[in-house]
């Protein structure tokens, strides 16, 4: 599988990155640990060398699962990406939101990225992942209660100590990136991006392209909506956040299904799935370095990895663009 450099660093990532949010179960209706481990290992077997996780995903569980899955794999063969700045174990910073934990009890989440907190989170992540360094540590969400330069100073210190190879951010605006880069050189910004969620094309993509910063696209399948597997009225499992997610209203599902039907002939002609077509489209977009894609089991993981091997032709990309031009969803 192709790799791409996180531009201002020495870190290279596979164009498909295994996204381990669902592996932690949190907000996805639980998980099956063994299947998550099998999914990660199946991805690696097909060339997915990069895994993205975060402490908040299952309150440490996702990182533990990733650590178990990679236990027997040479560390130098992998790129481990995780995050910091969302705390469930302290009441500090800005209250973010409350959700249901894997045990059914409420989990209150706080944006908190003070210097000592970032360093402590990194140390805890290293233990859960069973490694002595991270290839990329990303601030998960901006923390309005901590000056950006303080947070970036912590990331710079961790880099100087050899505990992280590169520093990144997630969900940062262009202006926030500008401020952050007065303190540390950012390798990347991880942002939501998909066929039906393309807001970053207006300002963030041009900014990152001009300055040589990588963009890691999360939710490229729009949390499963773009797989074509959902129909209006779908009943999600208890604890699955998509039951309340605005992209999954019955009307939006109908509109997306109609769009997917219009591009299905492209997938059929290639002998690939709609999801693989969407993944291939995502990594072909200007400025997009890699697509983060999750999987519940080994079968899904293998299919996602294969999507990263597909190169669409200019004619196929033009046809998708033409179909997308007529799609409108009711989202804020």
C-alpha atoms as a PDB file:
ATOM      1  CA  UNK A   1       0.000   0.000   0.000  1.00  0.00           C
ATOM      2  CA  UNK A   2       1.170   3.499  -0.783  1.00  0.00           C
ATOM      3  CA  UNK A   3       2.558   5.647   2.001  1.00  0.00           C
ATOM      4  CA  UNK A   4       2.574   9.400   2.292  1.00  0.00           C
ATOM      5  CA  UNK A   5       4.743  11.599   4.468  1.00  0.00           C
ATOM      6  CA  UNK A   6       3.317  13.761   7.198  1.00  0.00           C
ATOM      7  CA  UNK A   7       4.934  16.574   5.335  1.00  0.00           C
ATOM      8  CA  UNK A   8       7.053  18.466   7.859  1.00  0.00           C
ATOM      9  CA  UNK A   9       8.129  15.285   9.694  1.00  0.00           C
ATOM     10  CA  UNK A  10       9.941  12.038   8.996  1.00  0.00           C
ATOM     11  CA  UNK A  11       6.766  10.029   9.634  1.00  0.00           C
ATOM     12  CA  UNK A  12       5.122   8.239   6.725  1.00  0.00           C
ATOM     13  CA  UNK A  13       1.626   6.761   7.003  1.00  0.00           C
ATOM     14  CA  UNK A  14      -0.290   4.304   4.863  1.00  0.00           C
ATOM     15  CA  UNK A  15      -2.968   6.002   2.762  1.00  0.00           C
ATOM     16  CA  UNK A  16      -5.557   3.976   4.669  1.00  0.00           C
ATOM     17  CA  UNK A  17      -5.161   4.314   8.429  1.00  0.00           C
ATOM     18  CA  UNK A  18      -6.987   1.937  10.769  1.00  0.00           C
ATOM     19  CA  UNK A  19      -9.314   4.118  12.844  1.00  0.00           C
ATOM     20  CA  UNK A  20      -9.753   2.558  16.294  1.00  0.00           C
ATOM     21  CA  UNK A  21     -12.599   4.648  17.717  1.00  0.00           C
ATOM     22  CA  UNK A  22     -15.177   1.866  17.321  1.00  0.00           C
ATOM     23  CA  UNK A  23     -12.689  -0.666  18.685  1.00  0.00           C
ATOM     24  CA  UNK A  24     -13.086   1.027  22.054  1.00  0.00           C
ATOM     25  CA  UNK A  25     -16.846   0.472  21.943  1.00  0.00           C
ATOM     26  CA  UNK A  26     -17.589   3.905  23.386  1.00  0.00           C
ATOM     27  CA  UNK A  27     -20.471   5.614  21.513  1.00  0.00           C
ATOM     28  CA  UNK A  28     -20.637   2.675  19.073  1.00  0.00           C
ATOM     29  CA  UNK A  29     -22.856   0.358  21.080  1.00  0.00           C
ATOM     30  CA  UNK A  30     -20.026  -1.651  22.636  1.00  0.00           C
ATOM     31  CA  UNK A  31     -17.370  -3.827  21.047  1.00  0.00           C
ATOM     32  CA  UNK A  32     -16.061  -7.363  20.771  1.00  0.00           C
ATOM     33  CA  UNK A  33     -12.430  -7.265  21.838  1.00  0.00           C
ATOM     34  CA  UNK A  34     -11.341 -10.366  19.945  1.00  0.00           C
ATOM     35  CA  UNK A  35     -12.934  -9.162  16.709  1.00  0.00           C
ATOM     36  CA  UNK A  36     -11.302  -5.742  17.081  1.00  0.00           C
ATOM     37  CA  UNK A  37      -7.893  -7.360  17.499  1.00  0.00           C
ATOM     38  CA  UNK A  38      -8.508  -9.571  14.469  1.00  0.00           C
ATOM     39  CA  UNK A  39      -9.547  -6.498  12.452  1.00  0.00           C
ATOM     40  CA  UNK A  40      -6.352  -4.620  13.302  1.00  0.00           C
ATOM     41  CA  UNK A  41      -4.165  -7.596  12.465  1.00  0.00           C
ATOM     42  CA  UNK A  42      -6.017  -8.230   9.190  1.00  0.00           C
ATOM     43  CA  UNK A  43      -5.425  -4.615   8.190  1.00  0.00           C
ATOM     44  CA  UNK A  44      -1.724  -4.885   8.913  1.00  0.00           C
ATOM     45  CA  UNK A  45      -1.473  -8.065   6.838  1.00  0.00           C
ATOM     46  CA  UNK A  46      -2.766  -6.094   3.827  1.00  0.00           C
ATOM     47  CA  UNK A  47      -0.365  -3.188   4.230  1.00  0.00           C
ATOM     48  CA  UNK A  48      -2.149  -0.838   6.609  1.00  0.00           C
ATOM     49  CA  UNK A  49       0.820   0.139   8.748  1.00  0.00           C
ATOM     50  CA  UNK A  50      -0.801   3.076  10.553  1.00  0.00           C
ATOM     51  CA  UNK A  51      -3.282   2.916  13.440  1.00  0.00           C
ATOM     52  CA  UNK A  52      -5.093   5.907  14.918  1.00  0.00           C
ATOM     53  CA  UNK A  53      -6.560   5.758  18.404  1.00  0.00           C
ATOM     54  CA  UNK A  54      -7.188   8.006  21.428  1.00  0.00           C
ATOM     55  CA  UNK A  55      -7.418   7.647  25.215  1.00  0.00           C
ATOM     56  CA  UNK A  56     -11.055   8.768  25.241  1.00  0.00           C
ATOM     57  CA  UNK A  57     -12.109   5.897  22.940  1.00  0.00           C
ATOM     58  CA  UNK A  58     -13.510   3.610  25.595  1.00  0.00           C
ATOM     59  CA  UNK A  59     -11.611   5.463  28.332  1.00  0.00           C
ATOM     60  CA  UNK A  60      -8.349   3.706  27.597  1.00  0.00           C
ATOM     61  CA  UNK A  61      -9.836   0.534  26.122  1.00  0.00           C
ATOM     62  CA  UNK A  62      -9.087   1.298  22.469  1.00  0.00           C
ATOM     63  CA  UNK A  63      -5.422   1.955  23.218  1.00  0.00           C
ATOM     64  CA  UNK A  64      -5.206  -1.267  25.236  1.00  0.00           C
ATOM     65  CA  UNK A  65      -6.725  -3.232  22.353  1.00  0.00           C
ATOM     66  CA  UNK A  66      -4.318  -1.667  19.866  1.00  0.00           C
ATOM     67  CA  UNK A  67      -1.419  -2.512  22.188  1.00  0.00           C
ATOM     68  CA  UNK A  68      -2.527  -6.134  22.372  1.00  0.00           C
ATOM     69  CA  UNK A  69      -3.053  -6.378  18.613  1.00  0.00           C
ATOM     70  CA  UNK A  70       0.454  -5.157  17.764  1.00  0.00           C
ATOM     71  CA  UNK A  71       2.273  -7.014  20.532  1.00  0.00           C
ATOM     72  CA  UNK A  72       4.157  -9.403  18.218  1.00  0.00           C
ATOM     73  CA  UNK A  73       4.738  -6.986  15.333  1.00  0.00           C
ATOM     74  CA  UNK A  74       8.075  -5.155  14.985  1.00  0.00           C
ATOM     75  CA  UNK A  75       7.472  -1.643  16.257  1.00  0.00           C
ATOM     76  CA  UNK A  76       9.438  -0.028  13.435  1.00  0.00           C
ATOM     77  CA  UNK A  77       6.995  -1.523  10.918  1.00  0.00           C
ATOM     78  CA  UNK A  78       4.065   0.468  12.329  1.00  0.00           C
ATOM     79  CA  UNK A  79       3.003   4.043  12.882  1.00  0.00           C
ATOM     80  CA  UNK A  80       1.007   4.561  16.060  1.00  0.00           C
ATOM     81  CA  UNK A  81      -1.080   7.724  16.159  1.00  0.00           C
ATOM     82  CA  UNK A  82      -2.947   8.765  19.277  1.00  0.00           C
ATOM     83  CA  UNK A  83      -4.295  11.912  20.888  1.00  0.00           C
ATOM     84  CA  UNK A  84      -4.548  13.945  24.059  1.00  0.00           C
ATOM     85  CA  UNK A  85      -6.697  16.739  25.430  1.00  0.00           C
ATOM     86  CA  UNK A  86     -10.009  14.963  26.137  1.00  0.00           C
ATOM     87  CA  UNK A  87     -10.181  13.904  29.775  1.00  0.00           C
ATOM     88  CA  UNK A  88     -12.807  11.766  31.466  1.00  0.00           C
ATOM     89  CA  UNK A  89     -10.803  11.143  34.622  1.00  0.00           C
ATOM     90  CA  UNK A  90     -10.482  14.728  35.870  1.00  0.00           C
ATOM     91  CA  UNK A  91     -12.906  17.639  36.050  1.00  0.00           C
ATOM     92  CA  UNK A  92     -10.767  20.371  34.522  1.00  0.00           C
ATOM     93  CA  UNK A  93     -10.756  22.627  31.499  1.00  0.00           C
ATOM     94  CA  UNK A  94     -14.015  23.035  29.589  1.00  0.00           C
ATOM     95  CA  UNK A  95     -16.888  20.582  29.925  1.00  0.00           C
ATOM     96  CA  UNK A  96     -17.374  19.069  26.459  1.00  0.00           C
ATOM     97  CA  UNK A  97     -20.282  16.629  26.613  1.00  0.00           C
ATOM     98  CA  UNK A  98     -21.764  13.705  28.496  1.00  0.00           C
ATOM     99  CA  UNK A  99     -22.289  10.281  26.966  1.00  0.00           C
ATOM    100  CA  UNK A 100     -22.930   6.708  27.971  1.00  0.00           C
ATOM    101  CA  UNK A 101     -19.852   4.656  28.811  1.00  0.00           C
ATOM    102  CA  UNK A 102     -19.370   1.008  27.908  1.00  0.00           C
ATOM    103  CA  UNK A 103     -20.652   0.071  31.355  1.00  0.00           C
ATOM    104  CA  UNK A 104     -23.874   2.041  30.839  1.00  0.00           C
ATOM    105  CA  UNK A 105     -22.879   4.788  33.266  1.00  0.00           C
ATOM    106  CA  UNK A 106     -22.510   8.420  32.172  1.00  0.00           C
ATOM    107  CA  UNK A 107     -19.089   9.639  31.081  1.00  0.00           C
ATOM    108  CA  UNK A 108     -18.406  13.370  31.367  1.00  0.00           C
ATOM    109  CA  UNK A 109     -15.750  14.550  28.945  1.00  0.00           C
ATOM    110  CA  UNK A 110     -13.618  17.677  29.319  1.00  0.00           C
ATOM    111  CA  UNK A 111     -11.374  19.538  26.906  1.00  0.00           C
ATOM    112  CA  UNK A 112      -8.208  19.965  28.926  1.00  0.00           C
ATOM    113  CA  UNK A 113      -4.755  20.441  27.455  1.00  0.00           C
ATOM    114  CA  UNK A 114      -2.654  22.119  30.115  1.00  0.00           C
ATOM    115  CA  UNK A 115       1.071  21.354  29.937  1.00  0.00           C
ATOM    116  CA  UNK A 116       1.228  18.815  32.764  1.00  0.00           C
ATOM    117  CA  UNK A 117      -1.986  17.136  31.605  1.00  0.00           C
ATOM    118  CA  UNK A 118      -0.675  16.575  28.065  1.00  0.00           C
ATOM    119  CA  UNK A 119       2.541  15.060  29.385  1.00  0.00           C
ATOM    120  CA  UNK A 120       0.664  12.804  31.831  1.00  0.00           C
ATOM    121  CA  UNK A 121      -1.694  11.647  29.073  1.00  0.00           C
ATOM    122  CA  UNK A 122       1.230  10.776  26.828  1.00  0.00           C
ATOM    123  CA  UNK A 123       2.834   8.671  29.549  1.00  0.00           C
ATOM    124  CA  UNK A 124      -0.449   6.819  30.150  1.00  0.00           C
ATOM    125  CA  UNK A 125      -0.914   6.196  26.421  1.00  0.00           C
ATOM    126  CA  UNK A 126       2.587   4.769  26.108  1.00  0.00           C
ATOM    127  CA  UNK A 127       1.795   2.286  28.882  1.00  0.00           C
ATOM    128  CA  UNK A 128      -1.536   1.203  27.422  1.00  0.00           C
ATOM    129  CA  UNK A 129      -0.068   0.842  23.931  1.00  0.00           C
ATOM    130  CA  UNK A 130       2.996  -1.025  25.180  1.00  0.00           C
ATOM    131  CA  UNK A 131       5.488   1.198  23.374  1.00  0.00           C
ATOM    132  CA  UNK A 132       8.157   3.700  24.318  1.00  0.00           C
ATOM    133  CA  UNK A 133       7.330   6.255  21.620  1.00  0.00           C
ATOM    134  CA  UNK A 134       4.426   7.516  19.518  1.00  0.00           C
ATOM    135  CA  UNK A 135       4.778   8.332  15.851  1.00  0.00           C
ATOM    136  CA  UNK A 136       2.217  11.133  16.113  1.00  0.00           C
ATOM    137  CA  UNK A 137       0.568  12.723  19.149  1.00  0.00           C
ATOM    138  CA  UNK A 138      -2.387  14.949  18.258  1.00  0.00           C
ATOM    139  CA  UNK A 139      -4.346  17.410  20.359  1.00  0.00           C
ATOM    140  CA  UNK A 140      -7.829  15.920  20.037  1.00  0.00           C
ATOM    141  CA  UNK A 141      -9.887  19.128  20.301  1.00  0.00           C
ATOM    142  CA  UNK A 142      -9.001  22.761  21.015  1.00  0.00           C
ATOM    143  CA  UNK A 143      -9.083  23.612  24.712  1.00  0.00           C
ATOM    144  CA  UNK A 144     -10.362  27.186  25.150  1.00  0.00           C
ATOM    145  CA  UNK A 145      -9.187  27.250  28.770  1.00  0.00           C
ATOM    146  CA  UNK A 146      -5.491  26.710  27.994  1.00  0.00           C
ATOM    147  CA  UNK A 147      -3.336  28.990  25.827  1.00  0.00           C
ATOM    148  CA  UNK A 148      -2.421  27.213  22.608  1.00  0.00           C
ATOM    149  CA  UNK A 149       1.264  27.942  23.111  1.00  0.00           C
ATOM    150  CA  UNK A 150       1.224  26.149  26.478  1.00  0.00           C
ATOM    151  CA  UNK A 151      -0.206  23.013  24.903  1.00  0.00           C
ATOM    152  CA  UNK A 152       2.246  23.161  22.010  1.00  0.00           C
ATOM    153  CA  UNK A 153       5.159  23.622  24.413  1.00  0.00           C
ATOM    154  CA  UNK A 154       4.199  20.292  25.993  1.00  0.00           C
ATOM    155  CA  UNK A 155       4.168  18.581  22.588  1.00  0.00           C
ATOM    156  CA  UNK A 156       7.540  20.119  21.755  1.00  0.00           C
ATOM    157  CA  UNK A 157       8.976  18.872  25.051  1.00  0.00           C
ATOM    158  CA  UNK A 158       7.725  15.336  24.359  1.00  0.00           C
ATOM    159  CA  UNK A 159       9.343  15.474  20.922  1.00  0.00           C
ATOM    160  CA  UNK A 160      12.637  16.639  22.436  1.00  0.00           C
ATOM    161  CA  UNK A 161      12.473  13.690  24.848  1.00  0.00           C
ATOM    162  CA  UNK A 162      11.964  11.243  21.976  1.00  0.00           C
ATOM    163  CA  UNK A 163       8.551  10.174  23.239  1.00  0.00           C
ATOM    164  CA  UNK A 164       6.809  11.406  20.097  1.00  0.00           C
ATOM    165  CA  UNK A 165       8.177  11.593  16.566  1.00  0.00           C
ATOM    166  CA  UNK A 166       5.766  14.290  15.420  1.00  0.00           C
ATOM    167  CA  UNK A 167       3.153  16.676  16.802  1.00  0.00           C
ATOM    168  CA  UNK A 168      -0.261  17.209  15.287  1.00  0.00           C
ATOM    169  CA  UNK A 169      -3.686  18.605  15.985  1.00  0.00           C
ATOM    170  CA  UNK A 170      -7.248  17.562  15.324  1.00  0.00           C
ATOM    171  CA  UNK A 171     -10.328  19.699  14.725  1.00  0.00           C
ATOM    172  CA  UNK A 172      -8.190  22.862  14.577  1.00  0.00           C
ATOM    173  CA  UNK A 173      -9.150  25.880  12.506  1.00  0.00           C
ATOM    174  CA  UNK A 174      -6.708  27.646  10.210  1.00  0.00           C
ATOM    175  CA  UNK A 175      -6.247  30.434  12.739  1.00  0.00           C
ATOM    176  CA  UNK A 176      -5.600  27.965  15.550  1.00  0.00           C
ATOM    177  CA  UNK A 177      -3.001  26.236  13.393  1.00  0.00           C
ATOM    178  CA  UNK A 178      -1.294  29.569  12.753  1.00  0.00           C
ATOM    179  CA  UNK A 179      -1.056  30.240  16.479  1.00  0.00           C
ATOM    180  CA  UNK A 180       0.146  26.702  17.248  1.00  0.00           C
ATOM    181  CA  UNK A 181       2.924  26.883  14.667  1.00  0.00           C
ATOM    182  CA  UNK A 182       4.466  29.839  16.426  1.00  0.00           C
ATOM    183  CA  UNK A 183       5.582  27.276  19.030  1.00  0.00           C
ATOM    184  CA  UNK A 184       5.908  23.921  17.269  1.00  0.00           C
ATOM    185  CA  UNK A 185       6.001  22.634  13.712  1.00  0.00           C
ATOM    186  CA  UNK A 186       2.786  20.725  13.123  1.00  0.00           C
ATOM    187  CA  UNK A 187       2.917  17.582  11.019  1.00  0.00           C
ATOM    188  CA  UNK A 188      -0.822  17.289  10.472  1.00  0.00           C
ATOM    189  CA  UNK A 189      -4.399  18.233  11.232  1.00  0.00           C
ATOM    190  CA  UNK A 190      -6.977  15.462  11.568  1.00  0.00           C
ATOM    191  CA  UNK A 191     -10.352  16.669  10.331  1.00  0.00           C
ATOM    192  CA  UNK A 192     -13.769  15.276   9.383  1.00  0.00           C
ATOM    193  CA  UNK A 193     -13.997  14.925   5.616  1.00  0.00           C
ATOM    194  CA  UNK A 194     -16.154  12.879   3.280  1.00  0.00           C
ATOM    195  CA  UNK A 195     -18.106  13.092   0.047  1.00  0.00           C
ATOM    196  CA  UNK A 196     -20.983  14.653   2.026  1.00  0.00           C
ATOM    197  CA  UNK A 197     -18.901  16.724   4.458  1.00  0.00           C
ATOM    198  CA  UNK A 198     -16.432  18.849   2.517  1.00  0.00           C
ATOM    199  CA  UNK A 199     -16.331  22.100   4.469  1.00  0.00           C
ATOM    200  CA  UNK A 200     -12.552  22.043   4.917  1.00  0.00           C
ATOM    201  CA  UNK A 201     -12.040  22.492   1.171  1.00  0.00           C
ATOM    202  CA  UNK A 202     -12.815  26.202   1.534  1.00  0.00           C
ATOM    203  CA  UNK A 203      -9.932  27.232   3.777  1.00  0.00           C
ATOM    204  CA  UNK A 204      -8.122  24.444   5.632  1.00  0.00           C
ATOM    205  CA  UNK A 205      -7.130  22.417   2.578  1.00  0.00           C
ATOM    206  CA  UNK A 206      -5.564  25.394   0.747  1.00  0.00           C
ATOM    207  CA  UNK A 207      -3.756  26.430   3.941  1.00  0.00           C
ATOM    208  CA  UNK A 208      -2.291  22.954   4.515  1.00  0.00           C
ATOM    209  CA  UNK A 209      -1.357  22.460   0.863  1.00  0.00           C
ATOM    210  CA  UNK A 210       0.442  25.820   0.750  1.00  0.00           C
ATOM    211  CA  UNK A 211       2.393  25.119   3.935  1.00  0.00           C
ATOM    212  CA  UNK A 212       3.019  21.428   3.413  1.00  0.00           C
ATOM    213  CA  UNK A 213       0.882  20.153   6.265  1.00  0.00           C
ATOM    214  CA  UNK A 214      -0.798  16.752   6.112  1.00  0.00           C
ATOM    215  CA  UNK A 215      -4.550  16.302   6.451  1.00  0.00           C
ATOM    216  CA  UNK A 216      -5.796  13.062   7.974  1.00  0.00           C
ATOM    217  CA  UNK A 217      -9.434  12.647   6.977  1.00  0.00           C
ATOM    218  CA  UNK A 218     -11.605  11.042   9.635  1.00  0.00           C
ATOM    219  CA  UNK A 219     -15.111   9.684   9.005  1.00  0.00           C
ATOM    220  CA  UNK A 220     -14.535   9.364   5.223  1.00  0.00           C
ATOM    221  CA  UNK A 221     -17.438   6.885   5.096  1.00  0.00           C
ATOM    222  CA  UNK A 222     -19.507   9.357   7.154  1.00  0.00           C
ATOM    223  CA  UNK A 223     -19.687   6.877  10.030  1.00  0.00           C
ATOM    224  CA  UNK A 224     -20.995   4.158   7.723  1.00  0.00           C
ATOM    225  CA  UNK A 225     -23.595   6.225   5.853  1.00  0.00           C
ATOM    226  CA  UNK A 226     -21.619   6.076   2.590  1.00  0.00           C
ATOM    227  CA  UNK A 227     -21.365   2.283   2.609  1.00  0.00           C
ATOM    228  CA  UNK A 228     -24.928   1.963   1.292  1.00  0.00           C
ATOM    229  CA  UNK A 229     -25.830  -0.457   4.093  1.00  0.00           C
ATOM    230  CA  UNK A 230     -28.372   1.753   5.870  1.00  0.00           C
ATOM    231  CA  UNK A 231     -32.007   2.455   5.110  1.00  0.00           C
ATOM    232  CA  UNK A 232     -34.475   4.946   6.610  1.00  0.00           C
ATOM    233  CA  UNK A 233     -35.681   3.786  10.020  1.00  0.00           C
ATOM    234  CA  UNK A 234     -32.570   1.757  10.811  1.00  0.00           C
ATOM    235  CA  UNK A 235     -32.457   0.788  14.494  1.00  0.00           C
ATOM    236  CA  UNK A 236     -29.008   1.310  15.976  1.00  0.00           C
ATOM    237  CA  UNK A 237     -27.780  -0.593  19.018  1.00  0.00           C
ATOM    238  CA  UNK A 238     -28.168   0.979  22.436  1.00  0.00           C
ATOM    239  CA  UNK A 239     -25.373   3.460  23.056  1.00  0.00           C
ATOM    240  CA  UNK A 240     -24.652   4.006  19.334  1.00  0.00           C
ATOM    241  CA  UNK A 241     -24.389   7.765  18.815  1.00  0.00           C
ATOM    242  CA  UNK A 242     -25.550   7.522  15.205  1.00  0.00           C
ATOM    243  CA  UNK A 243     -29.151   7.179  16.351  1.00  0.00           C
ATOM    244  CA  UNK A 244     -29.014  10.939  17.054  1.00  0.00           C
ATOM    245  CA  UNK A 245     -26.491  11.952  14.398  1.00  0.00           C
ATOM    246  CA  UNK A 246     -27.897  14.499  11.956  1.00  0.00           C
ATOM    247  CA  UNK A 247     -26.536  12.741   8.872  1.00  0.00           C
ATOM    248  CA  UNK A 248     -28.668   9.679   9.689  1.00  0.00           C
ATOM    249  CA  UNK A 249     -32.119  11.296   9.579  1.00  0.00           C
ATOM    250  CA  UNK A 250     -34.466   9.320   7.359  1.00  0.00           C
ATOM    251  CA  UNK A 251     -34.505  12.037   4.702  1.00  0.00           C
ATOM    252  CA  UNK A 252     -30.716  12.322   4.581  1.00  0.00           C
ATOM    253  CA  UNK A 253     -30.391   8.546   4.325  1.00  0.00           C
ATOM    254  CA  UNK A 254     -32.835   8.559   1.380  1.00  0.00           C
ATOM    255  CA  UNK A 255     -30.870  11.271  -0.423  1.00  0.00           C
ATOM    256  CA  UNK A 256     -27.541   9.566   0.149  1.00  0.00           C
ATOM    257  CA  UNK A 257     -28.943   6.224  -1.013  1.00  0.00           C
ATOM    258  CA  UNK A 258     -30.103   7.852  -4.249  1.00  0.00           C
ATOM    259  CA  UNK A 259     -26.646   9.349  -4.768  1.00  0.00           C
ATOM    260  CA  UNK A 260     -24.935   6.038  -4.061  1.00  0.00           C
ATOM    261  CA  UNK A 261     -27.211   4.313  -6.558  1.00  0.00           C
ATOM    262  CA  UNK A 262     -26.073   6.849  -9.157  1.00  0.00           C
ATOM    263  CA  UNK A 263     -22.389   5.986  -8.700  1.00  0.00           C
ATOM    264  CA  UNK A 264     -22.898   2.275  -8.096  1.00  0.00           C
ATOM    265  CA  UNK A 265     -22.198   1.473 -11.788  1.00  0.00           C
ATOM    266  CA  UNK A 266     -18.654   2.795 -11.290  1.00  0.00           C
ATOM    267  CA  UNK A 267     -18.117   0.387  -8.417  1.00  0.00           C
ATOM    268  CA  UNK A 268     -19.740  -2.498 -10.274  1.00  0.00           C
ATOM    269  CA  UNK A 269     -17.567  -1.908 -13.343  1.00  0.00           C
ATOM    270  CA  UNK A 270     -14.497  -2.186 -11.120  1.00  0.00           C
ATOM    271  CA  UNK A 271     -15.789  -5.167  -9.167  1.00  0.00           C
ATOM    272  CA  UNK A 272     -15.482  -3.233  -5.903  1.00  0.00           C
ATOM    273  CA  UNK A 273     -17.866  -2.157  -3.156  1.00  0.00           C
ATOM    274  CA  UNK A 274     -19.312   1.308  -2.712  1.00  0.00           C
ATOM    275  CA  UNK A 275     -17.233   1.704   0.444  1.00  0.00           C
ATOM    276  CA  UNK A 276     -14.041   0.922  -1.468  1.00  0.00           C
ATOM    277  CA  UNK A 277     -15.018   3.434  -4.149  1.00  0.00           C
ATOM    278  CA  UNK A 278     -15.556   6.083  -1.464  1.00  0.00           C
ATOM    279  CA  UNK A 279     -12.210   5.338   0.185  1.00  0.00           C
ATOM    280  CA  UNK A 280     -10.429   5.552  -3.176  1.00  0.00           C
ATOM    281  CA  UNK A 281     -12.169   8.868  -3.912  1.00  0.00           C
ATOM    282  CA  UNK A 282     -11.143  10.279  -0.530  1.00  0.00           C
ATOM    283  CA  UNK A 283      -7.425   9.603  -0.855  1.00  0.00           C
ATOM    284  CA  UNK A 284      -7.501  10.991  -4.404  1.00  0.00           C
ATOM    285  CA  UNK A 285      -8.667  14.430  -3.245  1.00  0.00           C
ATOM    286  CA  UNK A 286      -6.184  17.323  -3.280  1.00  0.00           C
ATOM    287  CA  UNK A 287      -4.567  17.875   0.097  1.00  0.00           C
ATOM    288  CA  UNK A 288      -5.868  14.684   1.689  1.00  0.00           C
ATOM    289  CA  UNK A 289      -2.929  12.627   2.939  1.00  0.00           C
ATOM    290  CA  UNK A 290      -4.756   9.586   4.310  1.00  0.00           C
ATOM    291  CA  UNK A 291      -8.211   8.306   5.177  1.00  0.00           C
ATOM    292  CA  UNK A 292      -8.956   6.948   8.653  1.00  0.00           C
ATOM    293  CA  UNK A 293     -11.350   4.029   8.364  1.00  0.00           C
ATOM    294  CA  UNK A 294     -12.653   1.856  11.187  1.00  0.00           C
ATOM    295  CA  UNK A 295     -13.717  -1.782  11.049  1.00  0.00           C
ATOM    296  CA  UNK A 296     -15.730  -4.031  13.337  1.00  0.00           C
ATOM    297  CA  UNK A 297     -14.168  -7.272  12.131  1.00  0.00           C
ATOM    298  CA  UNK A 298     -11.472  -8.727   9.910  1.00  0.00           C
ATOM    299  CA  UNK A 299     -13.701  -8.898   6.836  1.00  0.00           C
ATOM    300  CA  UNK A 300     -14.453  -5.172   6.970  1.00  0.00           C
ATOM    301  CA  UNK A 301     -10.812  -4.402   7.671  1.00  0.00           C
ATOM    302  CA  UNK A 302      -9.620  -6.325   4.609  1.00  0.00           C
ATOM    303  CA  UNK A 303     -12.184  -4.616   2.389  1.00  0.00           C
ATOM    304  CA  UNK A 304     -11.135  -1.179   3.657  1.00  0.00           C
ATOM    305  CA  UNK A 305      -7.471  -1.931   3.081  1.00  0.00           C
ATOM    306  CA  UNK A 306      -8.201  -3.015  -0.480  1.00  0.00           C
ATOM    307  CA  UNK A 307      -9.909   0.338  -1.048  1.00  0.00           C
ATOM    308  CA  UNK A 308      -6.553   1.985  -0.487  1.00  0.00           C
ATOM    309  CA  UNK A 309      -5.073   0.116  -3.449  1.00  0.00           C
ATOM    310  CA  UNK A 310      -7.560   1.526  -5.976  1.00  0.00           C
ATOM    311  CA  UNK A 311      -6.581   4.464  -8.184  1.00  0.00           C
ATOM    312  CA  UNK A 312      -9.540   6.154  -9.847  1.00  0.00           C
ATOM    313  CA  UNK A 313      -9.225   7.579 -13.342  1.00  0.00           C
ATOM    314  CA  UNK A 314      -9.865  11.252 -14.131  1.00  0.00           C
ATOM    315  CA  UNK A 315     -13.065  10.199 -15.901  1.00  0.00           C
ATOM    316  CA  UNK A 316     -14.304   8.321 -12.826  1.00  0.00           C
ATOM    317  CA  UNK A 317     -13.483  11.259 -10.558  1.00  0.00           C
ATOM    318  CA  UNK A 318     -15.295  13.624 -12.927  1.00  0.00           C
ATOM    319  CA  UNK A 319     -18.369  11.398 -12.940  1.00  0.00           C
ATOM    320  CA  UNK A 320     -18.458  11.282  -9.136  1.00  0.00           C
ATOM    321  CA  UNK A 321     -18.051  15.077  -8.989  1.00  0.00           C
ATOM    322  CA  UNK A 322     -20.960  15.506 -11.384  1.00  0.00           C
ATOM    323  CA  UNK A 323     -23.201  13.282  -9.266  1.00  0.00           C
ATOM    324  CA  UNK A 324     -22.110  14.964  -6.043  1.00  0.00           C
ATOM    325  CA  UNK A 325     -23.020  18.390  -7.410  1.00  0.00           C
ATOM    326  CA  UNK A 326     -26.690  17.510  -7.183  1.00  0.00           C
ATOM    327  CA  UNK A 327     -26.615  16.120  -3.612  1.00  0.00           C
ATOM    328  CA  UNK A 328     -27.958  18.311  -0.814  1.00  0.00           C
ATOM    329  CA  UNK A 329     -28.370  17.182   2.790  1.00  0.00           C
ATOM    330  CA  UNK A 330     -30.191  18.788   5.703  1.00  0.00           C
ATOM    331  CA  UNK A 331     -27.275  19.284   8.087  1.00  0.00           C
ATOM    332  CA  UNK A 332     -25.962  22.295   9.947  1.00  0.00           C
END
